[in-house]
Amino acid sequence: MKRLLLSTALSLLALTAQAADIGVTAHEVHARVQQADAKVLFVDVRDPVEIMFVGFTDAVHINVPYLLVDRSAWDEQRGTYKIAQNPNFITEIRAELKKRGLDENAEIITMCRSGSERGEPSAAFLRENGFPNARYVINGFQGSAIKEGAHAGFRLQNGWQNSGLPWSPKMNPEKMYRP
């Protein structure tokens, strides 16, 4: 019994340590991508249609969606289009690394709208597939929604967009995903 408890405790400590080193703040990411010799690939993992309506930062190197909206399939339960994992995600990330003279050990930082639905899962997926230095932007591009008051539900706190970092409502067509 003691061994089982010790084993469980050690597993939880390992998971906590991994979670602590997988997230980085928007300001940390901005500083890293500004360094001339940075061995980093900064990837916006949102569907390009979302970027079109929410905004974009040209600090991102490329847009490679982790999840794609399938406009031909409807999710009755959620009342939305179905979402599927991009089957070419790993292949496209490898190609972007190679294009920049980087390998699987380079730091890859992913960013989605909030950090939770695609940012952190895409970084964890990359780690599971041989990219040990994958991370994600905590609170993503748009940040967290305000819980109470006149602006409840609006994403007006934290994240890239609300941190005074450069962004635009316009997309950079050279960086956008085009299957």
Protein backbone atom coordinates (compact mmCIF):
# COMPACT_ATOMS: atom_id res chain seq x y z
CA MET A 1 0.00 0.00 0.00
CA LYS A 2 2.83 2.39 0.90
CA ARG A 3 4.50 1.68 -2.45
CA LEU A 4 1.28 2.43 -4.31
CA LEU A 5 0.85 5.73 -2.45
CA LEU A 6 4.49 6.66 -3.06
CA SER A 7 4.22 5.76 -6.75
CA THR A 8 1.03 7.81 -7.10
CA ALA A 9 2.59 10.79 -5.31
CA LEU A 10 5.67 10.68 -7.55
CA SER A 11 3.48 10.50 -10.67
CA LEU A 12 1.51 13.53 -9.52
CA LEU A 13 4.72 15.46 -8.84
CA ALA A 14 6.00 14.64 -12.34
CA LEU A 15 2.73 15.81 -13.92
CA THR A 16 2.80 19.02 -11.86
CA ALA A 17 6.40 19.71 -12.93
CA GLN A 18 5.49 19.17 -16.59
CA ALA A 19 2.46 21.49 -16.32
CA ALA A 20 4.64 24.17 -14.73
CA ASP A 21 7.16 24.20 -17.58
CA ILE A 22 4.70 23.90 -20.46
CA GLY A 23 2.99 27.31 -20.09
CA VAL A 24 4.64 30.67 -20.81
CA THR A 25 3.21 34.17 -20.61
CA ALA A 26 2.56 36.33 -23.64
CA HIS A 27 5.29 38.76 -22.55
CA GLU A 28 7.84 35.92 -22.22
CA VAL A 29 6.97 34.68 -25.71
CA HIS A 30 7.22 38.15 -27.21
CA ALA A 31 10.68 38.60 -25.67
CA ARG A 32 11.83 35.21 -27.00
CA VAL A 33 10.71 35.76 -30.58
CA GLN A 34 12.40 39.18 -30.62
CA GLN A 35 15.83 37.61 -29.99
CA ALA A 36 17.78 37.36 -33.26
CA ASP A 37 19.32 33.99 -32.42
CA ALA A 38 16.21 32.42 -30.88
CA LYS A 39 15.70 28.79 -31.77
CA VAL A 40 11.95 29.03 -31.46
CA LEU A 41 8.93 28.42 -33.68
CA PHE A 42 5.88 30.47 -32.63
CA VAL A 43 2.70 28.90 -34.04
CA ASP A 44 -0.86 30.22 -34.00
CA VAL A 45 -2.91 27.02 -33.79
CA ARG A 46 -6.34 28.60 -34.37
CA ASP A 47 -8.52 27.96 -37.39
CA PRO A 48 -7.85 30.81 -39.88
CA VAL A 49 -11.52 31.82 -39.85
CA GLU A 50 -11.29 32.53 -36.13
CA ILE A 51 -8.17 34.62 -36.70
CA MET A 52 -10.04 36.55 -39.37
CA PHE A 53 -12.67 37.65 -36.84
CA VAL A 54 -10.55 37.96 -33.67
CA GLY A 55 -7.17 39.31 -34.77
CA PHE A 56 -3.58 38.26 -35.32
CA THR A 57 -0.07 39.09 -34.22
CA ASP A 58 2.67 39.21 -36.81
CA ALA A 59 5.08 38.05 -34.09
CA VAL A 60 3.77 34.56 -34.92
CA HIS A 61 5.93 32.71 -37.43
CA ILE A 62 3.13 30.64 -38.95
CA ASN A 63 -0.49 29.55 -38.56
CA VAL A 64 -0.91 25.76 -38.40
CA PRO A 65 -4.31 24.84 -36.93
CA TYR A 66 -4.34 22.07 -34.33
CA LEU A 67 -8.10 21.65 -34.71
CA LEU A 68 -10.08 22.45 -37.83
CA VAL A 69 -13.74 23.28 -38.16
CA ASP A 70 -15.46 20.78 -40.46
CA ARG A 71 -18.07 22.90 -42.18
CA SER A 72 -19.59 19.78 -43.75
CA ALA A 73 -20.45 18.15 -40.40
CA TRP A 74 -22.84 19.42 -37.74
CA ASP A 75 -22.72 18.62 -34.02
CA GLU A 76 -26.38 18.46 -32.99
CA GLN A 77 -25.61 18.31 -29.27
CA ARG A 78 -23.43 21.44 -29.25
CA GLY A 79 -25.28 23.26 -32.02
CA THR A 80 -22.04 23.96 -33.91
CA TYR A 81 -19.93 22.59 -36.71
CA LYS A 82 -17.85 19.58 -35.71
CA ILE A 83 -14.19 20.06 -34.96
CA ALA A 84 -11.50 17.56 -35.87
CA GLN A 85 -7.78 17.38 -35.22
CA ASN A 86 -5.68 18.47 -38.16
CA PRO A 87 -4.30 15.13 -39.45
CA ASN A 88 -1.24 16.91 -40.88
CA PHE A 89 -0.37 18.90 -37.75
CA ILE A 90 2.87 17.07 -36.89
CA THR A 91 3.99 16.92 -40.53
CA GLU A 92 3.36 20.65 -40.99
CA ILE A 93 5.20 21.55 -37.77
CA ARG A 94 8.19 19.44 -38.87
CA ALA A 95 8.18 21.20 -42.26
CA GLU A 96 8.14 24.64 -40.60
CA LEU A 97 11.03 23.67 -38.32
CA LYS A 98 13.06 22.36 -41.26
CA LYS A 99 12.35 25.52 -43.27
CA ARG A 100 13.93 27.53 -40.44
CA GLY A 101 16.89 25.18 -39.92
CA LEU A 102 15.50 23.91 -36.62
CA ASP A 103 14.91 20.38 -35.35
CA GLU A 104 12.58 18.62 -32.92
CA ASN A 105 14.53 20.01 -29.93
CA ALA A 106 13.73 23.62 -30.79
CA GLU A 107 11.26 25.44 -28.61
CA ILE A 108 7.82 25.39 -30.20
CA ILE A 109 5.26 27.76 -28.68
CA THR A 110 1.62 27.37 -29.61
CA MET A 111 -1.11 29.96 -29.14
CA CYS A 112 -4.88 29.69 -29.45
CA ARG A 113 -7.65 32.05 -28.36
CA SER A 114 -7.71 31.19 -24.63
CA GLY A 115 -4.76 28.87 -24.08
CA SER A 116 -6.91 26.00 -22.90
CA GLU A 117 -8.77 24.41 -25.81
CA ARG A 118 -5.99 24.21 -28.38
CA GLY A 119 -2.89 25.92 -26.99
CA GLU A 120 -2.11 23.61 -24.08
CA PRO A 121 -3.45 20.44 -25.79
CA SER A 122 -1.41 21.13 -28.94
CA ALA A 123 1.77 21.64 -26.88
CA ALA A 124 1.10 18.41 -24.95
CA PHE A 125 0.43 16.59 -28.25
CA LEU A 126 3.71 17.85 -29.67
CA ARG A 127 5.55 16.66 -26.57
CA GLU A 128 3.92 13.24 -26.88
CA ASN A 129 5.15 13.09 -30.48
CA GLY A 130 8.83 13.84 -29.97
CA PHE A 131 9.02 17.62 -29.46
CA PRO A 132 10.22 17.92 -25.84
CA ASN A 133 10.32 21.72 -25.75
CA ALA A 134 6.78 22.44 -26.87
CA ARG A 135 4.97 25.08 -24.82
CA TYR A 136 1.85 27.22 -25.08
CA VAL A 137 0.88 30.83 -24.36
CA ILE A 138 -0.99 31.00 -21.06
CA ASN A 139 -4.38 32.69 -21.63
CA GLY A 140 -3.77 32.60 -25.40
CA PHE A 141 -4.38 35.44 -27.82
CA GLN A 142 -7.62 36.89 -26.47
CA GLY A 143 -7.32 36.10 -22.78
CA SER A 144 -9.91 35.20 -20.18
CA ALA A 145 -13.49 36.33 -20.07
CA ILE A 146 -14.57 38.72 -17.33
CA LYS A 147 -16.88 36.88 -14.93
CA GLU A 148 -19.05 39.71 -13.57
CA GLY A 149 -20.22 43.22 -14.27
CA ALA A 150 -21.10 45.16 -17.41
CA HIS A 151 -18.37 43.42 -19.44
CA ALA A 152 -19.13 39.87 -18.24
CA GLY A 153 -18.34 37.36 -20.97
CA PHE A 154 -15.95 39.65 -22.85
CA ARG A 155 -12.32 38.56 -23.13
CA LEU A 156 -10.80 41.76 -21.83
CA GLN A 157 -8.18 40.51 -19.39
CA ASN A 158 -4.74 38.95 -19.87
CA GLY A 159 -3.66 37.07 -23.00
CA TRP A 160 -1.64 38.52 -25.88
CA GLN A 161 -4.26 41.02 -27.04
CA ASN A 162 -4.82 42.57 -23.61
CA SER A 163 -1.14 42.72 -22.61
CA GLY A 164 -0.15 45.69 -24.76
CA LEU A 165 1.67 43.46 -27.24
CA PRO A 166 1.51 44.07 -31.01
CA TRP A 167 -1.54 42.72 -32.81
CA SER A 168 -3.86 43.69 -35.61
CA PRO A 169 -7.36 42.90 -36.84
CA LYS A 170 -5.70 42.12 -40.19
CA MET A 171 -4.18 38.77 -41.09
CA ASN A 172 -0.78 38.33 -42.71
CA PRO A 173 -1.56 36.22 -45.81
CA GLU A 174 2.05 34.94 -45.97
CA LYS A 175 1.66 33.30 -42.55
CA MET A 176 -1.88 31.97 -42.84
CA TYR A 177 -2.74 28.30 -43.18
CA ARG A 178 -3.76 27.26 -46.66
CA PRO A 179 -4.28 23.51 -47.04
